[in-house]
Amino acid sequence: MAEKTISHDLLSMSGEKTGTVKLLASVFGVLDANIQSVHDAVVTEEANARQATAKTKKRHEVSGGGKKPWRQKGTGRARAGSIRSPLWVGGGTVFGPDGNQNYKLSQNKKAHLLALRTVLSQKEKDGLVVIEKIALKETSSKEFNAFLKALKLDAKKVLFVTDGSDEKAIRAANNLAKVGIRAYSNVSVRDVLNCDVLLLDKETLEKLQGGLA
């Protein structure tokens, strides 16, 4: 039994409709959206992106403080053994990060795929643009921006998904502030949520669907 598909407009680089392309309903037509899996996917990605290099010095790591500031009794002041006490300005930090903290999280593959299919299904409704073939005459950001203007996307935040074959387009898009670039095999849930439009060509679409079906 053939898998259900969804018809979606196929455009030329000038923005004209040249036909339709078939989207797999299992990837771009998820009806039972699982918001929890989407939330977990974003939290996992952001946690795993943390460098976790923050570090504070404990009492024994702060320089100085070898000599007792004043004698124990008779001064009228509180007892003090070191100017590097955590109670003192410039002293050590209690329970601060030590540079070895681990923030890594994981999400099982099935839940991650469900999250990605969910956000792609949401984008299919009003934020998916499929081009027949993206072919620039030369490596030119100006030409790529003109291409976006023809599609009325120049004012939007665009995620350009590629299979790596269109090197001129990749290099041209790399200079545009509102255009993000991702390989089809490396598109994340956060990437899709963080853009207004998902832009890709027909060949890349087939590869993207093949990995998520």
Protein backbone atom coordinates (compact mmCIF):
# COMPACT_ATOMS: atom_id res chain seq x y z
CA MET A 1 0.00 0.00 0.00
CA ALA A 2 1.43 3.36 -1.09
CA GLU A 3 2.15 5.91 1.60
CA LYS A 4 -0.15 8.93 1.76
CA THR A 5 1.22 12.12 0.26
CA ILE A 6 0.45 15.84 0.29
CA SER A 7 0.65 18.04 -2.81
CA HIS A 8 2.75 21.17 -2.41
CA ASP A 9 3.57 23.93 -4.88
CA LEU A 10 6.85 23.67 -6.77
CA LEU A 11 8.32 27.05 -7.75
CA SER A 12 10.95 28.34 -10.12
CA MET A 13 13.66 30.76 -9.02
CA SER A 14 11.52 33.62 -10.33
CA GLY A 15 8.68 32.62 -8.00
CA GLU A 16 6.41 31.14 -10.66
CA LYS A 17 4.58 27.89 -10.00
CA THR A 18 5.93 25.16 -12.26
CA GLY A 19 4.04 22.21 -10.82
CA THR A 20 3.61 20.31 -7.59
CA VAL A 21 5.76 18.08 -5.45
CA LYS A 22 4.65 15.18 -3.29
CA LEU A 23 5.31 15.44 0.44
CA LEU A 24 5.12 12.36 2.63
CA ALA A 25 2.23 12.66 5.05
CA SER A 26 4.28 10.83 7.67
CA VAL A 27 6.85 13.66 7.60
CA PHE A 28 4.93 16.81 6.64
CA GLY A 29 1.40 15.83 7.61
CA VAL A 30 1.56 14.90 11.27
CA LEU A 31 -1.83 15.68 12.77
CA ASP A 32 -1.28 14.49 16.34
CA ALA A 33 1.40 17.01 17.28
CA ASN A 34 3.37 16.11 20.38
CA ILE A 35 4.32 19.45 21.93
CA GLN A 36 6.17 17.75 24.79
CA SER A 37 8.57 16.00 22.39
CA VAL A 38 9.22 19.33 20.65
CA HIS A 39 9.94 21.01 23.99
CA ASP A 40 12.26 18.18 25.04
CA ALA A 41 14.13 18.35 21.71
CA VAL A 42 14.82 22.08 22.09
CA VAL A 43 15.87 21.77 25.74
CA THR A 44 18.19 18.88 24.85
CA GLU A 45 19.80 20.77 21.97
CA GLU A 46 20.38 23.93 23.99
CA ALA A 47 21.75 22.00 26.96
CA ASN A 48 24.18 20.08 24.76
CA ALA A 49 25.36 23.33 23.18
CA ARG A 50 26.57 24.68 26.54
CA GLN A 51 30.33 24.94 26.81
CA ALA A 52 30.23 24.33 30.57
CA THR A 53 33.55 26.13 31.05
CA ALA A 54 32.41 28.45 33.87
CA LYS A 55 34.68 28.17 36.90
CA THR A 56 35.11 29.99 40.18
CA LYS A 57 37.97 29.68 42.64
CA LYS A 58 37.48 27.98 45.95
CA ARG A 59 39.12 29.21 49.13
CA HIS A 60 42.32 27.19 48.64
CA GLU A 61 42.70 28.44 45.04
CA VAL A 62 42.58 32.18 45.76
CA SER A 63 46.01 33.79 46.09
CA GLY A 64 47.02 35.50 49.33
CA GLY A 65 45.54 35.10 52.75
CA GLY A 66 48.46 33.27 54.30
CA LYS A 67 48.76 35.61 57.23
CA LYS A 68 46.11 36.10 59.89
CA PRO A 69 44.71 39.66 59.36
CA TRP A 70 44.78 40.59 63.02
CA ARG A 71 45.24 38.96 66.37
CA GLN A 72 42.49 36.73 67.72
CA LYS A 73 41.46 38.81 70.73
CA GLY A 74 41.44 42.36 71.94
CA THR A 75 40.66 44.27 68.74
CA GLY A 76 36.88 44.45 69.11
CA ARG A 77 36.45 42.92 65.71
CA ALA A 78 35.21 39.50 64.74
CA ARG A 79 37.75 36.70 64.59
CA ALA A 80 39.36 36.29 61.17
CA GLY A 81 41.89 33.73 60.02
CA SER A 82 42.31 34.72 56.38
CA ILE A 83 41.39 37.55 54.04
CA ARG A 84 40.43 34.86 51.48
CA SER A 85 37.52 33.55 53.54
CA PRO A 86 34.29 33.21 51.52
CA LEU A 87 32.85 35.89 53.82
CA TRP A 88 35.31 38.46 52.54
CA VAL A 89 35.22 40.41 49.28
CA GLY A 90 37.81 38.79 47.03
CA GLY A 91 37.62 35.56 48.94
CA GLY A 92 36.88 32.10 47.64
CA THR A 93 33.47 31.02 46.37
CA VAL A 94 31.43 28.33 48.08
CA PHE A 95 29.72 25.74 45.86
CA GLY A 96 30.59 27.59 42.64
CA PRO A 97 31.08 25.87 39.26
CA ASP A 98 34.39 24.01 39.01
CA GLY A 99 34.64 23.70 35.21
CA ASN A 100 33.73 20.01 35.23
CA GLN A 101 29.95 20.31 35.30
CA ASN A 102 28.05 18.18 32.81
CA TYR A 103 24.85 19.54 31.28
CA LYS A 104 24.45 16.85 28.61
CA LEU A 105 20.95 15.57 27.99
CA SER A 106 19.60 12.98 25.58
CA GLN A 107 16.34 12.27 23.82
CA ASN A 108 15.48 8.91 22.36
CA LYS A 109 15.48 8.69 18.56
CA LYS A 110 11.77 7.95 18.21
CA ALA A 111 10.77 11.02 20.24
CA HIS A 112 13.25 13.22 18.37
CA LEU A 113 11.90 12.12 14.99
CA LEU A 114 8.36 12.82 16.18
CA ALA A 115 9.40 16.32 17.28
CA LEU A 116 11.08 17.05 13.93
CA ARG A 117 8.12 15.74 11.95
CA THR A 118 5.79 17.85 14.10
CA VAL A 119 7.57 21.14 13.42
CA LEU A 120 8.01 20.30 9.71
CA SER A 121 4.28 19.64 9.49
CA GLN A 122 3.60 23.05 11.01
CA LYS A 123 5.98 24.70 8.51
CA GLU A 124 4.29 22.98 5.57
CA LYS A 125 1.16 25.04 6.11
CA ASP A 126 2.69 28.48 5.62
CA GLY A 127 6.48 28.35 5.79
CA LEU A 128 7.75 25.79 3.27
CA VAL A 129 9.12 26.89 -0.11
CA VAL A 130 10.29 24.22 -2.55
CA ILE A 131 12.28 25.32 -5.61
CA GLU A 132 12.71 23.17 -8.69
CA LYS A 133 16.45 23.89 -8.78
CA ILE A 134 18.53 26.60 -7.13
CA ALA A 135 21.20 27.51 -9.65
CA LEU A 136 23.03 30.84 -9.50
CA LYS A 137 25.05 32.13 -12.44
CA GLU A 138 27.87 33.13 -10.10
CA THR A 139 28.76 33.23 -6.42
CA SER A 140 26.93 36.44 -5.61
CA SER A 141 25.08 37.44 -2.46
CA LYS A 142 23.37 40.14 -4.53
CA GLU A 143 22.01 37.53 -6.92
CA PHE A 144 20.84 35.29 -4.06
CA ASN A 145 19.11 38.25 -2.42
CA ALA A 146 17.40 39.06 -5.75
CA PHE A 147 16.23 35.44 -5.83
CA LEU A 148 14.73 35.88 -2.34
CA LYS A 149 13.04 39.12 -3.41
CA ALA A 150 11.43 37.32 -6.35
CA LEU A 151 9.96 34.90 -3.83
CA LYS A 152 9.06 37.77 -1.44
CA LEU A 153 11.30 36.26 1.23
CA ASP A 154 13.94 39.00 1.53
CA ALA A 155 12.34 40.43 4.70
CA LYS A 156 11.89 37.04 6.36
CA LYS A 157 14.18 34.80 8.36
CA VAL A 158 15.05 31.97 5.99
CA LEU A 159 16.55 28.56 6.70
CA PHE A 160 18.26 27.37 3.52
CA VAL A 161 18.44 23.57 3.59
CA THR A 162 20.95 22.06 1.17
CA ASP A 163 22.50 18.77 0.12
CA GLY A 164 25.86 20.47 -0.50
CA SER A 165 25.76 20.27 -4.30
CA ASP A 166 24.86 23.94 -4.88
CA GLU A 167 28.16 25.43 -3.70
CA LYS A 168 27.61 28.83 -5.34
CA ALA A 169 24.29 29.29 -3.56
CA ILE A 170 25.76 28.19 -0.23
CA ARG A 171 28.64 30.65 -0.42
CA ALA A 172 26.36 33.45 -1.60
CA ALA A 173 23.79 32.87 1.15
CA ASN A 174 26.49 32.74 3.80
CA ASN A 175 26.86 36.54 3.66
CA LEU A 176 23.18 37.29 4.24
CA ALA A 177 22.25 38.03 7.85
CA LYS A 178 18.70 36.68 7.66
CA VAL A 179 19.63 33.42 5.95
CA GLY A 180 20.75 30.38 7.93
CA ILE A 181 22.28 27.38 6.17
CA ARG A 182 21.90 23.75 7.22
CA ALA A 183 22.66 20.41 5.60
CA TYR A 184 19.53 18.31 5.14
CA SER A 185 21.01 15.67 7.46
CA ASN A 186 21.66 18.21 10.21
CA VAL A 187 18.38 20.13 10.48
CA SER A 188 17.26 20.38 14.09
CA VAL A 189 13.92 21.12 15.72
CA ARG A 190 15.26 24.42 17.01
CA ASP A 191 16.41 25.42 13.51
CA VAL A 192 12.93 24.90 12.09
CA LEU A 193 11.22 26.74 14.94
CA ASN A 194 13.66 29.64 14.69
CA CYS A 195 12.94 30.49 11.04
CA ASP A 196 10.00 31.99 9.16
CA VAL A 197 10.56 30.00 5.99
CA LEU A 198 12.16 26.67 5.15
CA LEU A 199 13.77 26.95 1.70
CA LEU A 200 15.06 23.97 -0.27
CA ASP A 201 15.08 22.46 -3.75
CA LYS A 202 13.24 19.37 -4.95
CA GLU A 203 16.28 17.08 -4.77
CA THR A 204 17.14 18.13 -1.22
CA LEU A 205 13.50 17.66 -0.20
CA GLU A 206 13.59 14.04 -1.36
CA LYS A 207 16.77 13.39 0.65
CA LEU A 208 15.30 15.10 3.73
CA GLN A 209 12.15 13.01 3.53
CA GLY A 210 14.15 9.85 2.95
CA GLY A 211 15.94 10.29 6.26
CA LEU A 212 12.76 10.98 8.23
CA ALA A 213 10.27 8.57 6.65
